[in-house]
PDB file of N, CA and C in Angstrom:
ATOM      1  N   MET A   1     -76.544 -26.809  26.514  1.00  0.00           N
ATOM      2  CA  MET A   1     -75.334 -25.918  26.982  1.00  0.00           C
ATOM      3  C   MET A   1     -76.004 -24.387  26.654  1.00  0.00           C
ATOM      4  N   THR A   2     -75.900 -23.596  27.620  1.00  0.00           N
ATOM      5  CA  THR A   2     -76.277 -22.268  27.546  1.00  0.00           C
ATOM      6  C   THR A   2     -75.185 -21.280  27.740  1.00  0.00           C
ATOM      7  N   GLY A   3     -75.005 -20.309  26.938  1.00  0.00           N
ATOM      8  CA  GLY A   3     -73.657 -19.402  27.123  1.00  0.00           C
ATOM      9  C   GLY A   3     -73.747 -18.272  28.314  1.00  0.00           C
ATOM     10  N   ALA A   4     -72.569 -18.015  28.982  1.00  0.00           N
ATOM     11  CA  ALA A   4     -72.768 -16.899  30.002  1.00  0.00           C
ATOM     12  C   ALA A   4     -73.306 -15.641  29.574  1.00  0.00           C
ATOM     13  N   ARG A   5     -74.199 -15.053  30.060  1.00  0.00           N
ATOM     14  CA  ARG A   5     -74.878 -13.754  29.875  1.00  0.00           C
ATOM     15  C   ARG A   5     -74.048 -12.525  30.500  1.00  0.00           C
ATOM     16  N   ALA A   6     -73.971 -11.713  29.645  1.00  0.00           N
ATOM     17  CA  ALA A   6     -73.175 -10.423  30.153  1.00  0.00           C
ATOM     18  C   ALA A   6     -73.825  -9.678  31.081  1.00  0.00           C
ATOM     19  N   ASP A   7     -73.153  -8.871  31.984  1.00  0.00           N
ATOM     20  CA  ASP A   7     -73.922  -7.959  33.061  1.00  0.00           C
ATOM     21  C   ASP A   7     -74.249  -6.939  32.087  1.00  0.00           C
ATOM     22  N   PRO A   8     -75.683  -6.749  32.433  1.00  0.00           N
ATOM     23  CA  PRO A   8     -76.357  -5.625  31.664  1.00  0.00           C
ATOM     24  C   PRO A   8     -75.523  -4.036  31.871  1.00  0.00           C
ATOM     25  N   ARG A   9     -75.061  -4.024  33.097  1.00  0.00           N
ATOM     26  CA  ARG A   9     -74.326  -2.776  33.309  1.00  0.00           C
ATOM     27  C   ARG A   9     -73.121  -2.503  32.388  1.00  0.00           C
ATOM     28  N   ASP A  10     -72.607  -3.672  31.751  1.00  0.00           N
ATOM     29  CA  ASP A  10     -71.415  -3.501  30.803  1.00  0.00           C
ATOM     30  C   ASP A  10     -71.898  -3.483  29.489  1.00  0.00           C
ATOM     31  N   ARG A  11     -73.203  -3.319  29.141  1.00  0.00           N
ATOM     32  CA  ARG A  11     -73.475  -3.246  27.609  1.00  0.00           C
ATOM     33  C   ARG A  11     -73.175  -1.835  27.001  1.00  0.00           C
ATOM     34  N   GLY A  12     -72.378  -1.746  26.056  1.00  0.00           N
ATOM     35  CA  GLY A  12     -72.274  -0.728  25.012  1.00  0.00           C
ATOM     36  C   GLY A  12     -70.661  -0.334  25.826  1.00  0.00           C
ATOM     37  N   SER A  13     -70.252  -0.742  26.576  1.00  0.00           N
ATOM     38  CA  SER A  13     -68.905  -0.311  27.202  1.00  0.00           C
ATOM     39  C   SER A  13     -67.693  -0.273  26.044  1.00  0.00           C
ATOM     40  N   ALA A  14     -67.838  -1.657  25.207  1.00  0.00           N
ATOM     41  CA  ALA A  14     -66.683  -1.370  24.170  1.00  0.00           C
ATOM     42  C   ALA A  14     -66.940  -0.096  23.265  1.00  0.00           C
ATOM     43  N   THR A  15     -68.034   0.511  23.089  1.00  0.00           N
ATOM     44  CA  THR A  15     -68.167   1.590  22.126  1.00  0.00           C
ATOM     45  C   THR A  15     -67.495   2.920  22.973  1.00  0.00           C
ATOM     46  N   VAL A  16     -67.800   2.920  24.174  1.00  0.00           N
ATOM     47  CA  VAL A  16     -67.020   3.889  24.830  1.00  0.00           C
ATOM     48  C   VAL A  16     -65.408   3.756  24.943  1.00  0.00           C
ATOM     49  N   TRP A  17     -65.299   2.669  25.006  1.00  0.00           N
ATOM     50  CA  TRP A  17     -63.580   2.312  24.821  1.00  0.00           C
ATOM     51  C   TRP A  17     -63.161   2.600  23.739  1.00  0.00           C
ATOM     52  N   GLY A  18     -63.958   2.182  22.639  1.00  0.00           N
ATOM     53  CA  GLY A  18     -63.424   2.501  21.122  1.00  0.00           C
ATOM     54  C   GLY A  18     -63.413   4.094  21.052  1.00  0.00           C
ATOM     55  N   VAL A  19     -64.320   4.821  21.299  1.00  0.00           N
ATOM     56  CA  VAL A  19     -64.326   6.289  21.334  1.00  0.00           C
ATOM     57  C   VAL A  19     -62.988   6.705  21.842  1.00  0.00           C
ATOM     58  N   LEU A  20     -62.932   6.337  22.961  1.00  0.00           N
ATOM     59  CA  LEU A  20     -61.796   6.902  23.842  1.00  0.00           C
ATOM     60  C   LEU A  20     -60.353   6.641  23.306  1.00  0.00           C
ATOM     61  N   VAL A  21     -60.088   5.315  22.689  1.00  0.00           N
ATOM     62  CA  VAL A  21     -59.024   5.059  22.068  1.00  0.00           C
ATOM     63  C   VAL A  21     -58.745   5.926  20.787  1.00  0.00           C
ATOM     64  N   VAL A  22     -59.936   6.049  20.036  1.00  0.00           N
ATOM     65  CA  VAL A  22     -59.799   6.853  18.740  1.00  0.00           C
ATOM     66  C   VAL A  22     -59.493   8.219  19.058  1.00  0.00           C
ATOM     67  N   THR A  23     -60.076   8.788  20.048  1.00  0.00           N
ATOM     68  CA  THR A  23     -59.819  10.332  20.713  1.00  0.00           C
ATOM     69  C   THR A  23     -58.219  10.430  20.983  1.00  0.00           C
ATOM     70  N   VAL A  24     -57.547   9.582  21.697  1.00  0.00           N
ATOM     71  CA  VAL A  24     -56.334   9.307  22.129  1.00  0.00           C
ATOM     72  C   VAL A  24     -55.573   9.577  21.030  1.00  0.00           C
ATOM     73  N   LEU A  25     -55.878   8.538  20.132  1.00  0.00           N
ATOM     74  CA  LEU A  25     -54.746   8.481  18.873  1.00  0.00           C
ATOM     75  C   LEU A  25     -54.953   9.620  18.093  1.00  0.00           C
ATOM     76  N   ALA A  26     -55.857  10.283  17.818  1.00  0.00           N
ATOM     77  CA  ALA A  26     -56.335  11.525  17.274  1.00  0.00           C
ATOM     78  C   ALA A  26     -55.446  12.553  17.687  1.00  0.00           C
ATOM     79  N   ALA A  27     -55.658  12.915  18.953  1.00  0.00           N
ATOM     80  CA  ALA A  27     -54.758  13.825  19.800  1.00  0.00           C
ATOM     81  C   ALA A  27     -53.480  13.672  19.606  1.00  0.00           C
ATOM     82  N   VAL A  28     -52.930  12.171  19.522  1.00  0.00           N
ATOM     83  CA  VAL A  28     -51.347  12.036  19.541  1.00  0.00           C
ATOM     84  C   VAL A  28     -50.912  12.217  18.072  1.00  0.00           C
ATOM     85  N   PHE A  29     -51.769  11.825  16.976  1.00  0.00           N
ATOM     86  CA  PHE A  29     -51.126  12.119  15.684  1.00  0.00           C
ATOM     87  C   PHE A  29     -51.209  13.897  15.357  1.00  0.00           C
ATOM     88  N   GLY A  30     -52.354  14.458  16.037  1.00  0.00           N
ATOM     89  CA  GLY A  30     -52.286  15.886  15.881  1.00  0.00           C
ATOM     90  C   GLY A  30     -50.984  16.508  16.492  1.00  0.00           C
ATOM     91  N   GLY A  31     -50.657  16.019  17.590  1.00  0.00           N
ATOM     92  CA  GLY A  31     -49.367  16.669  18.133  1.00  0.00           C
ATOM     93  C   GLY A  31     -48.268  16.227  17.337  1.00  0.00           C
ATOM     94  N   VAL A  32     -48.058  14.991  16.852  1.00  0.00           N
ATOM     95  CA  VAL A  32     -47.145  14.612  15.847  1.00  0.00           C
ATOM     96  C   VAL A  32     -47.040  15.579  14.724  1.00  0.00           C
ATOM     97  N   LEU A  33     -48.307  16.058  14.054  1.00  0.00           N
ATOM     98  CA  LEU A  33     -48.265  16.872  12.876  1.00  0.00           C
ATOM     99  C   LEU A  33     -47.686  18.174  13.367  1.00  0.00           C
ATOM    100  N   LEU A  34     -48.078  18.690  14.274  1.00  0.00           N
ATOM    101  CA  LEU A  34     -47.744  20.074  14.894  1.00  0.00           C
ATOM    102  C   LEU A  34     -46.036  19.938  14.871  1.00  0.00           C
ATOM    103  N   LEU A  35     -45.554  18.914  15.750  1.00  0.00           N
ATOM    104  CA  LEU A  35     -44.224  19.101  16.032  1.00  0.00           C
ATOM    105  C   LEU A  35     -43.349  18.922  14.639  1.00  0.00           C
ATOM    106  N   GLY A  36     -44.000  18.118  13.839  1.00  0.00           N
ATOM    107  CA  GLY A  36     -43.329  18.257  12.436  1.00  0.00           C
ATOM    108  C   GLY A  36     -43.293  19.624  11.734  1.00  0.00           C
ATOM    109  N   GLN A  37     -44.513  19.980  11.746  1.00  0.00           N
ATOM    110  CA  GLN A  37     -44.554  21.257  10.981  1.00  0.00           C
ATOM    111  C   GLN A  37     -43.567  22.570  11.787  1.00  0.00           C
ATOM    112  N   ALA A  38     -43.544  22.315  13.056  1.00  0.00           N
ATOM    113  CA  ALA A  38     -42.641  23.131  13.817  1.00  0.00           C
ATOM    114  C   ALA A  38     -41.090  23.107  13.389  1.00  0.00           C
ATOM    115  N   VAL A  39     -40.798  21.791  13.138  1.00  0.00           N
ATOM    116  CA  VAL A  39     -39.368  21.471  12.711  1.00  0.00           C
ATOM    117  C   VAL A  39     -39.182  22.011  11.379  1.00  0.00           C
ATOM    118  N   VAL A  40     -39.824  21.483  10.464  1.00  0.00           N
ATOM    119  CA  VAL A  40     -40.023  22.050   9.107  1.00  0.00           C
ATOM    120  C   VAL A  40     -39.704  23.495   9.045  1.00  0.00           C
ATOM    121  N   SER A  41     -40.562  24.303   9.625  1.00  0.00           N
ATOM    122  CA  SER A  41     -40.686  26.088   9.827  1.00  0.00           C
ATOM    123  C   SER A  41     -39.099  26.389  10.288  1.00  0.00           C
ATOM    124  N   ARG A  42     -38.521  25.496  11.348  1.00  0.00           N
ATOM    125  CA  ARG A  42     -37.387  26.229  11.710  1.00  0.00           C
ATOM    126  C   ARG A  42     -36.098  25.804  10.721  1.00  0.00           C
ATOM    127  N   HIS A  43     -36.463  24.817   9.952  1.00  0.00           N
ATOM    128  CA  HIS A  43     -35.248  24.392   9.056  1.00  0.00           C
ATOM    129  C   HIS A  43     -35.302  25.338   7.782  1.00  0.00           C
ATOM    130  N   ARG A  44     -36.710  25.528   7.245  1.00  0.00           N
ATOM    131  CA  ARG A  44     -36.695  26.717   6.365  1.00  0.00           C
ATOM    132  C   ARG A  44     -36.233  27.930   6.865  1.00  0.00           C
ATOM    133  N   ALA A  45     -36.563  28.277   7.961  1.00  0.00           N
ATOM    134  CA  ALA A  45     -36.120  29.791   8.353  1.00  0.00           C
ATOM    135  C   ALA A  45     -34.409  29.676   8.469  1.00  0.00           C
ATOM    136  N   GLY A  46     -33.805  28.587   8.801  1.00  0.00           N
ATOM    137  CA  GLY A  46     -32.478  28.657   9.052  1.00  0.00           C
ATOM    138  C   GLY A  46     -31.919  28.522   7.663  1.00  0.00           C
ATOM    139  N   ALA A  47     -32.516  27.757   6.677  1.00  0.00           N
ATOM    140  CA  ALA A  47     -31.926  27.749   5.332  1.00  0.00           C
ATOM    141  C   ALA A  47     -32.097  29.033   4.780  1.00  0.00           C
ATOM    142  N   ALA A  48     -33.009  29.764   4.828  1.00  0.00           N
ATOM    143  CA  ALA A  48     -33.276  30.959   4.118  1.00  0.00           C
ATOM    144  C   ALA A  48     -32.267  32.072   4.755  1.00  0.00           C
ATOM    145  N   ALA A  49     -32.142  32.016   6.067  1.00  0.00           N
ATOM    146  CA  ALA A  49     -31.125  33.068   6.748  1.00  0.00           C
ATOM    147  C   ALA A  49     -29.605  32.681   6.309  1.00  0.00           C
ATOM    148  N   ASP A  50     -29.424  31.356   6.191  1.00  0.00           N
ATOM    149  CA  ASP A  50     -27.859  30.962   5.855  1.00  0.00           C
ATOM    150  C   ASP A  50     -27.704  31.479   4.139  1.00  0.00           C
ATOM    151  N   LEU A  51     -28.817  31.298   3.288  1.00  0.00           N
ATOM    152  CA  LEU A  51     -28.553  31.532   1.863  1.00  0.00           C
ATOM    153  C   LEU A  51     -28.658  33.230   1.784  1.00  0.00           C
ATOM    154  N   ALA A  52     -29.211  34.026   2.479  1.00  0.00           N
ATOM    155  CA  ALA A  52     -29.404  35.276   2.552  1.00  0.00           C
ATOM    156  C   ALA A  52     -28.347  35.918   3.101  1.00  0.00           C
ATOM    157  N   ALA A  53     -27.583  35.307   4.259  1.00  0.00           N
ATOM    158  CA  ALA A  53     -26.352  35.748   4.631  1.00  0.00           C
ATOM    159  C   ALA A  53     -25.092  35.455   3.617  1.00  0.00           C
ATOM    160  N   LEU A  54     -25.122  34.338   3.144  1.00  0.00           N
ATOM    161  CA  LEU A  54     -24.047  34.236   1.950  1.00  0.00           C
ATOM    162  C   LEU A  54     -24.036  35.234   0.760  1.00  0.00           C
ATOM    163  N   ALA A  55     -25.596  35.482   0.544  1.00  0.00           N
ATOM    164  CA  ALA A  55     -25.570  36.446  -0.816  1.00  0.00           C
ATOM    165  C   ALA A  55     -25.106  37.710  -0.506  1.00  0.00           C
ATOM    166  N   ALA A  56     -25.669  38.168   0.756  1.00  0.00           N
ATOM    167  CA  ALA A  56     -25.138  39.527   1.226  1.00  0.00           C
ATOM    168  C   ALA A  56     -23.570  39.585   1.368  1.00  0.00           C
ATOM    169  N   ALA A  57     -22.988  38.671   1.932  1.00  0.00           N
ATOM    170  CA  ALA A  57     -21.409  38.688   2.139  1.00  0.00           C
ATOM    171  C   ALA A  57     -20.850  38.333   0.713  1.00  0.00           C
ATOM    172  N   ALA A  58     -21.464  37.791  -0.225  1.00  0.00           N
ATOM    173  CA  ALA A  58     -20.947  37.804  -1.681  1.00  0.00           C
ATOM    174  C   ALA A  58     -21.114  39.229  -2.363  1.00  0.00           C
ATOM    175  N   THR A  59     -22.043  40.186  -2.005  1.00  0.00           N
ATOM    176  CA  THR A  59     -22.114  41.120  -2.481  1.00  0.00           C
ATOM    177  C   THR A  59     -21.660  42.487  -1.863  1.00  0.00           C
ATOM    178  N   TRP A  60     -20.996  42.283  -0.733  1.00  0.00           N
ATOM    179  CA  TRP A  60     -20.523  43.270   0.283  1.00  0.00           C
ATOM    180  C   TRP A  60     -19.998  44.494  -0.605  1.00  0.00           C
ATOM    181  N   ALA A  61     -19.080  44.228  -1.546  1.00  0.00           N
ATOM    182  CA  ALA A  61     -18.341  45.123  -2.070  1.00  0.00           C
ATOM    183  C   ALA A  61     -19.203  46.388  -2.932  1.00  0.00           C
ATOM    184  N   HIS A  62     -20.367  45.950  -3.073  1.00  0.00           N
ATOM    185  CA  HIS A  62     -21.513  47.079  -3.853  1.00  0.00           C
ATOM    186  C   HIS A  62     -22.017  47.720  -2.664  1.00  0.00           C
ATOM    187  N   GLY A  63     -21.771  47.881  -1.281  1.00  0.00           N
ATOM    188  CA  GLY A  63     -22.320  48.506  -0.300  1.00  0.00           C
ATOM    189  C   GLY A  63     -23.341  47.555   0.555  1.00  0.00           C
ATOM    190  N   PRO A  64     -23.429  48.289   1.782  1.00  0.00           N
ATOM    191  CA  PRO A  64     -24.488  47.536   2.618  1.00  0.00           C
ATOM    192  C   PRO A  64     -25.904  47.718   2.150  1.00  0.00           C
ATOM    193  N   GLU A  65     -26.407  48.784   1.609  1.00  0.00           N
ATOM    194  CA  GLU A  65     -27.824  48.909   1.093  1.00  0.00           C
ATOM    195  C   GLU A  65     -27.987  47.709  -0.243  1.00  0.00           C
ATOM    196  N   ALA A  66     -26.879  47.399  -1.055  1.00  0.00           N
ATOM    197  CA  ALA A  66     -27.032  46.519  -2.135  1.00  0.00           C
ATOM    198  C   ALA A  66     -26.879  45.033  -1.660  1.00  0.00           C
ATOM    199  N   ALA A  67     -26.103  45.124  -0.664  1.00  0.00           N
ATOM    200  CA  ALA A  67     -25.951  43.645  -0.186  1.00  0.00           C
ATOM    201  C   ALA A  67     -27.207  43.188   0.735  1.00  0.00           C
ATOM    202  N   CYS A  68     -27.799  43.969   1.356  1.00  0.00           N
ATOM    203  CA  CYS A  68     -29.157  43.683   1.818  1.00  0.00           C
ATOM    204  C   CYS A  68     -30.329  43.504   1.177  1.00  0.00           C
ATOM    205  N   ALA A  69     -30.148  44.273   0.067  1.00  0.00           N
ATOM    206  CA  ALA A  69     -31.201  44.081  -1.143  1.00  0.00           C
ATOM    207  C   ALA A  69     -30.985  42.850  -1.775  1.00  0.00           C
ATOM    208  N   THR A  70     -29.913  42.204  -1.890  1.00  0.00           N
ATOM    209  CA  THR A  70     -29.769  40.981  -2.606  1.00  0.00           C
ATOM    210  C   THR A  70     -30.124  39.856  -1.536  1.00  0.00           C
ATOM    211  N   ALA A  71     -29.683  40.147  -0.209  1.00  0.00           N
ATOM    212  CA  ALA A  71     -30.325  39.347   0.816  1.00  0.00           C
ATOM    213  C   ALA A  71     -31.691  39.278   0.954  1.00  0.00           C
ATOM    214  N   ILE A  72     -32.280  40.290   0.842  1.00  0.00           N
ATOM    215  CA  ILE A  72     -33.829  40.233   0.790  1.00  0.00           C
ATOM    216  C   ILE A  72     -34.499  39.650  -0.415  1.00  0.00           C
ATOM    217  N   ARG A  73     -33.989  39.632  -1.581  1.00  0.00           N
ATOM    218  CA  ARG A  73     -34.316  39.110  -2.895  1.00  0.00           C
ATOM    219  C   ARG A  73     -34.086  37.395  -2.643  1.00  0.00           C
ATOM    220  N   VAL A  74     -33.006  36.932  -2.391  1.00  0.00           N
ATOM    221  CA  VAL A  74     -32.743  35.710  -1.929  1.00  0.00           C
ATOM    222  C   VAL A  74     -33.778  34.980  -1.096  1.00  0.00           C
ATOM    223  N   ALA A  75     -34.114  35.537   0.498  1.00  0.00           N
ATOM    224  CA  ALA A  75     -34.797  35.307   1.171  1.00  0.00           C
ATOM    225  C   ALA A  75     -36.262  35.101   0.680  1.00  0.00           C
ATOM    226  N   VAL A  76     -36.796  36.102   0.018  1.00  0.00           N
ATOM    227  CA  VAL A  76     -38.124  36.180  -0.835  1.00  0.00           C
ATOM    228  C   VAL A  76     -38.327  34.935  -1.652  1.00  0.00           C
ATOM    229  N   ALA A  77     -37.217  34.504  -2.212  1.00  0.00           N
ATOM    230  CA  ALA A  77     -37.397  33.279  -3.270  1.00  0.00           C
ATOM    231  C   ALA A  77     -37.430  32.197  -2.377  1.00  0.00           C
ATOM    232  N   GLN A  78     -36.949  32.357  -1.028  1.00  0.00           N
ATOM    233  CA  GLN A  78     -37.111  30.991  -0.334  1.00  0.00           C
ATOM    234  C   GLN A  78     -38.237  30.988   0.457  1.00  0.00           C
ATOM    235  N   GLY A  79     -38.970  31.867   0.275  1.00  0.00           N
ATOM    236  CA  GLY A  79     -40.525  32.044   1.138  1.00  0.00           C
ATOM    237  C   GLY A  79     -40.176  32.575   2.708  1.00  0.00           C
ATOM    238  N   ALA A  80     -39.167  33.371   2.663  1.00  0.00           N
ATOM    239  CA  ALA A  80     -38.775  33.971   3.861  1.00  0.00           C
ATOM    240  C   ALA A  80     -39.050  35.445   3.857  1.00  0.00           C
ATOM    241  N   GLN A  81     -38.862  36.419   5.062  1.00  0.00           N
ATOM    242  CA  GLN A  81     -39.030  37.363   5.268  1.00  0.00           C
ATOM    243  C   GLN A  81     -37.657  37.844   6.022  1.00  0.00           C
ATOM    244  N   VAL A  82     -36.954  38.905   5.315  1.00  0.00           N
ATOM    245  CA  VAL A  82     -35.791  39.266   6.363  1.00  0.00           C
ATOM    246  C   VAL A  82     -36.256  40.446   7.430  1.00  0.00           C
ATOM    247  N   THR A  83     -35.939  40.028   8.504  1.00  0.00           N
ATOM    248  CA  THR A  83     -36.203  40.860   9.576  1.00  0.00           C
ATOM    249  C   THR A  83     -34.934  41.983  10.300  1.00  0.00           C
ATOM    250  N   GLY A  84     -33.892  41.492   9.665  1.00  0.00           N
ATOM    251  CA  GLY A  84     -32.616  42.034   9.992  1.00  0.00           C
ATOM    252  C   GLY A  84     -31.599  41.803   9.079  1.00  0.00           C
ATOM    253  N   CYS A  85     -30.706  43.048   8.816  1.00  0.00           N
ATOM    254  CA  CYS A  85     -29.525  42.696   7.756  1.00  0.00           C
ATOM    255  C   CYS A  85     -28.568  43.881   8.358  1.00  0.00           C
ATOM    256  N   VAL A  86     -27.348  43.322   8.588  1.00  0.00           N
ATOM    257  CA  VAL A  86     -26.213  44.309   8.948  1.00  0.00           C
ATOM    258  C   VAL A  86     -25.194  43.902   8.083  1.00  0.00           C
ATOM    259  N   VAL A  87     -24.565  44.813   7.421  1.00  0.00           N
ATOM    260  CA  VAL A  87     -23.322  44.191   6.821  1.00  0.00           C
ATOM    261  C   VAL A  87     -22.115  45.146   7.142  1.00  0.00           C
ATOM    262  N   THR A  88     -21.165  44.547   7.743  1.00  0.00           N
ATOM    263  CA  THR A  88     -19.970  45.263   8.404  1.00  0.00           C
ATOM    264  C   THR A  88     -18.564  44.670   7.614  1.00  0.00           C
ATOM    265  N   GLY A  89     -18.128  45.768   6.934  1.00  0.00           N
ATOM    266  CA  GLY A  89     -17.042  45.041   6.016  1.00  0.00           C
ATOM    267  C   GLY A  89     -17.373  44.022   5.029  1.00  0.00           C
ATOM    268  N   GLU A  90     -16.809  42.837   4.975  1.00  0.00           N
ATOM    269  CA  GLU A  90     -17.233  41.562   4.527  1.00  0.00           C
ATOM    270  C   GLU A  90     -18.112  40.661   5.091  1.00  0.00           C
ATOM    271  N   VAL A  91     -18.476  41.082   6.235  1.00  0.00           N
ATOM    272  CA  VAL A  91     -19.390  40.163   7.198  1.00  0.00           C
ATOM    273  C   VAL A  91     -20.668  40.593   7.111  1.00  0.00           C
ATOM    274  N   ALA A  92     -21.605  39.738   6.964  1.00  0.00           N
ATOM    275  CA  ALA A  92     -22.800  39.932   6.598  1.00  0.00           C
ATOM    276  C   ALA A  92     -23.776  39.322   7.930  1.00  0.00           C
ATOM    277  N   GLU A  93     -24.551  39.950   8.496  1.00  0.00           N
ATOM    278  CA  GLU A  93     -25.313  39.074   9.651  1.00  0.00           C
ATOM    279  C   GLU A  93     -26.847  39.515   9.285  1.00  0.00           C
ATOM    280  N   VAL A  94     -27.748  38.186   8.946  1.00  0.00           N
ATOM    281  CA  VAL A  94     -28.888  38.405   8.577  1.00  0.00           C
ATOM    282  C   VAL A  94     -29.950  37.573   9.412  1.00  0.00           C
ATOM    283  N   THR A  95     -31.032  38.085   9.653  1.00  0.00           N
ATOM    284  CA  THR A  95     -32.141  37.442  10.274  1.00  0.00           C
ATOM    285  C   THR A  95     -33.197  37.134   9.785  1.00  0.00           C
ATOM    286  N   ALA A  96     -33.918  36.024   9.497  1.00  0.00           N
ATOM    287  CA  ALA A  96     -34.890  35.776   8.674  1.00  0.00           C
ATOM    288  C   ALA A  96     -36.275  34.977   9.192  1.00  0.00           C
ATOM    289  N   ARG A  97     -37.257  35.149   8.958  1.00  0.00           N
ATOM    290  CA  ARG A  97     -38.224  34.406   9.686  1.00  0.00           C
ATOM    291  C   ARG A  97     -39.164  33.956   8.433  1.00  0.00           C
ATOM    292  N   VAL A  98     -39.742  32.758   8.752  1.00  0.00           N
ATOM    293  CA  VAL A  98     -40.750  31.931   7.772  1.00  0.00           C
ATOM    294  C   VAL A  98     -41.914  31.713   8.544  1.00  0.00           C
ATOM    295  N   ARG A  99     -43.122  31.919   7.847  1.00  0.00           N
ATOM    296  CA  ARG A  99     -44.242  31.434   8.623  1.00  0.00           C
ATOM    297  C   ARG A  99     -44.939  30.377   8.139  1.00  0.00           C
ATOM    298  N   ALA A 100     -45.124  29.297   8.685  1.00  0.00           N
ATOM    299  CA  ALA A 100     -45.595  28.055   8.319  1.00  0.00           C
ATOM    300  C   ALA A 100     -46.594  27.622   9.577  1.00  0.00           C
ATOM    301  N   GLY A 101     -48.008  27.971   8.950  1.00  0.00           N
ATOM    302  CA  GLY A 101     -49.039  27.644  10.164  1.00  0.00           C
ATOM    303  C   GLY A 101     -48.976  28.305  11.142  1.00  0.00           C
ATOM    304  N   PRO A 102     -48.943  28.055  12.483  1.00  0.00           N
ATOM    305  CA  PRO A 102     -48.958  28.625  13.403  1.00  0.00           C
ATOM    306  C   PRO A 102     -47.491  28.907  14.065  1.00  0.00           C
ATOM    307  N   PHE A 103     -46.625  28.553  13.468  1.00  0.00           N
ATOM    308  CA  PHE A 103     -45.242  28.798  13.908  1.00  0.00           C
ATOM    309  C   PHE A 103     -44.423  29.856  12.880  1.00  0.00           C
ATOM    310  N   GLY A 104     -43.820  30.657  13.324  1.00  0.00           N
ATOM    311  CA  GLY A 104     -42.916  31.674  12.821  1.00  0.00           C
ATOM    312  C   GLY A 104     -41.603  32.012  13.231  1.00  0.00           C
ATOM    313  N   PRO A 105     -40.572  30.971  13.352  1.00  0.00           N
ATOM    314  CA  PRO A 105     -39.509  31.062  13.815  1.00  0.00           C
ATOM    315  C   PRO A 105     -38.596  32.010  13.062  1.00  0.00           C
ATOM    316  N   GLU A 106     -37.820  32.674  13.715  1.00  0.00           N
ATOM    317  CA  GLU A 106     -36.794  33.674  13.412  1.00  0.00           C
ATOM    318  C   GLU A 106     -35.594  33.172  13.733  1.00  0.00           C
ATOM    319  N   LEU A 107     -34.604  33.229  12.487  1.00  0.00           N
ATOM    320  CA  LEU A 107     -33.236  32.693  12.922  1.00  0.00           C
ATOM    321  C   LEU A 107     -32.087  33.563  12.365  1.00  0.00           C
ATOM    322  N   HIS A 108     -31.034  33.620  12.930  1.00  0.00           N
ATOM    323  CA  HIS A 108     -29.832  34.542  12.771  1.00  0.00           C
ATOM    324  C   HIS A 108     -28.952  33.610  11.849  1.00  0.00           C
ATOM    325  N   SER A 109     -28.258  34.269  11.027  1.00  0.00           N
ATOM    326  CA  SER A 109     -26.993  33.757  10.587  1.00  0.00           C
ATOM    327  C   SER A 109     -25.996  34.622  10.193  1.00  0.00           C
ATOM    328  N   ARG A 110     -24.792  34.192  10.146  1.00  0.00           N
ATOM    329  CA  ARG A 110     -23.804  35.163  10.106  1.00  0.00           C
ATOM    330  C   ARG A 110     -22.616  34.645   8.686  1.00  0.00           C
ATOM    331  N   ALA A 111     -22.336  35.448   8.033  1.00  0.00           N
ATOM    332  CA  ALA A 111     -21.236  35.072   6.834  1.00  0.00           C
ATOM    333  C   ALA A 111     -20.274  35.808   6.380  1.00  0.00           C
ATOM    334  N   GLY A 112     -19.136  35.316   6.119  1.00  0.00           N
ATOM    335  CA  GLY A 112     -18.012  36.194   5.888  1.00  0.00           C
ATOM    336  C   GLY A 112     -16.738  35.442   5.682  1.00  0.00           C
ATOM    337  N   PRO A 113     -15.668  36.132   5.271  1.00  0.00           N
ATOM    338  CA  PRO A 113     -14.509  35.253   5.409  1.00  0.00           C
ATOM    339  C   PRO A 113     -14.049  34.779   6.758  1.00  0.00           C
ATOM    340  N   PRO A 114     -13.384  33.570   6.591  1.00  0.00           N
ATOM    341  CA  PRO A 114     -12.798  33.104   7.928  1.00  0.00           C
ATOM    342  C   PRO A 114     -12.037  33.701   8.674  1.00  0.00           C
ATOM    343  N   LEU A 115     -12.075  33.589  10.089  1.00  0.00           N
ATOM    344  CA  LEU A 115     -11.190  34.281  10.943  1.00  0.00           C
ATOM    345  C   LEU A 115      -9.921  33.951  10.750  1.00  0.00           C
ATOM    346  N   PRO A 116      -8.698  34.858  11.119  1.00  0.00           N
ATOM    347  CA  PRO A 116      -7.453  34.220  10.987  1.00  0.00           C
ATOM    348  C   PRO A 116      -6.838  33.116  11.786  1.00  0.00           C
ATOM    349  N   ALA A 117      -6.030  32.522  11.667  1.00  0.00           N
ATOM    350  CA  ALA A 117      -5.656  31.184  12.642  1.00  0.00           C
ATOM    351  C   ALA A 117      -5.452  31.687  14.170  1.00  0.00           C
ATOM    352  N   GLU A 118      -4.909  32.853  14.281  1.00  0.00           N
ATOM    353  CA  GLU A 118      -4.433  33.111  15.613  1.00  0.00           C
ATOM    354  C   GLU A 118      -5.464  33.798  16.481  1.00  0.00           C
ATOM    355  N   SER A 119      -6.769  34.133  15.664  1.00  0.00           N
ATOM    356  CA  SER A 119      -8.011  34.542  16.472  1.00  0.00           C
ATOM    357  C   SER A 119      -9.024  33.480  16.771  1.00  0.00           C
ATOM    358  N   ARG A 120      -8.693  32.205  16.426  1.00  0.00           N
ATOM    359  CA  ARG A 120      -9.469  31.033  16.715  1.00  0.00           C
ATOM    360  C   ARG A 120      -9.418  30.551  17.796  1.00  0.00           C
TER     361      ARG A 120
END
């Protein structure tokens, strides 16, 4: 009994298909890694902005400059950069940016006392 012979035109096609599959999988994996890095970067920026705004709101009584200086110290400790800080009375508004790879999201956070029940 003799085996069926493969068509000579198909010779090496498995290698081409293998390379194609590996290339597609590498591209998908790279995209997933970039998406993950973007999500982590955004969460880090949000956390840094929240903590900096809370720190500024907690020290508002020392004046806006001191409150913003505290916000900057807290943000730097989180690996972030404060791009905006405004303290109006007891309310602090802070904008923070975190650089992580090609991403640099900038998030805004506000902290202060709760609003009165009638204005909610």
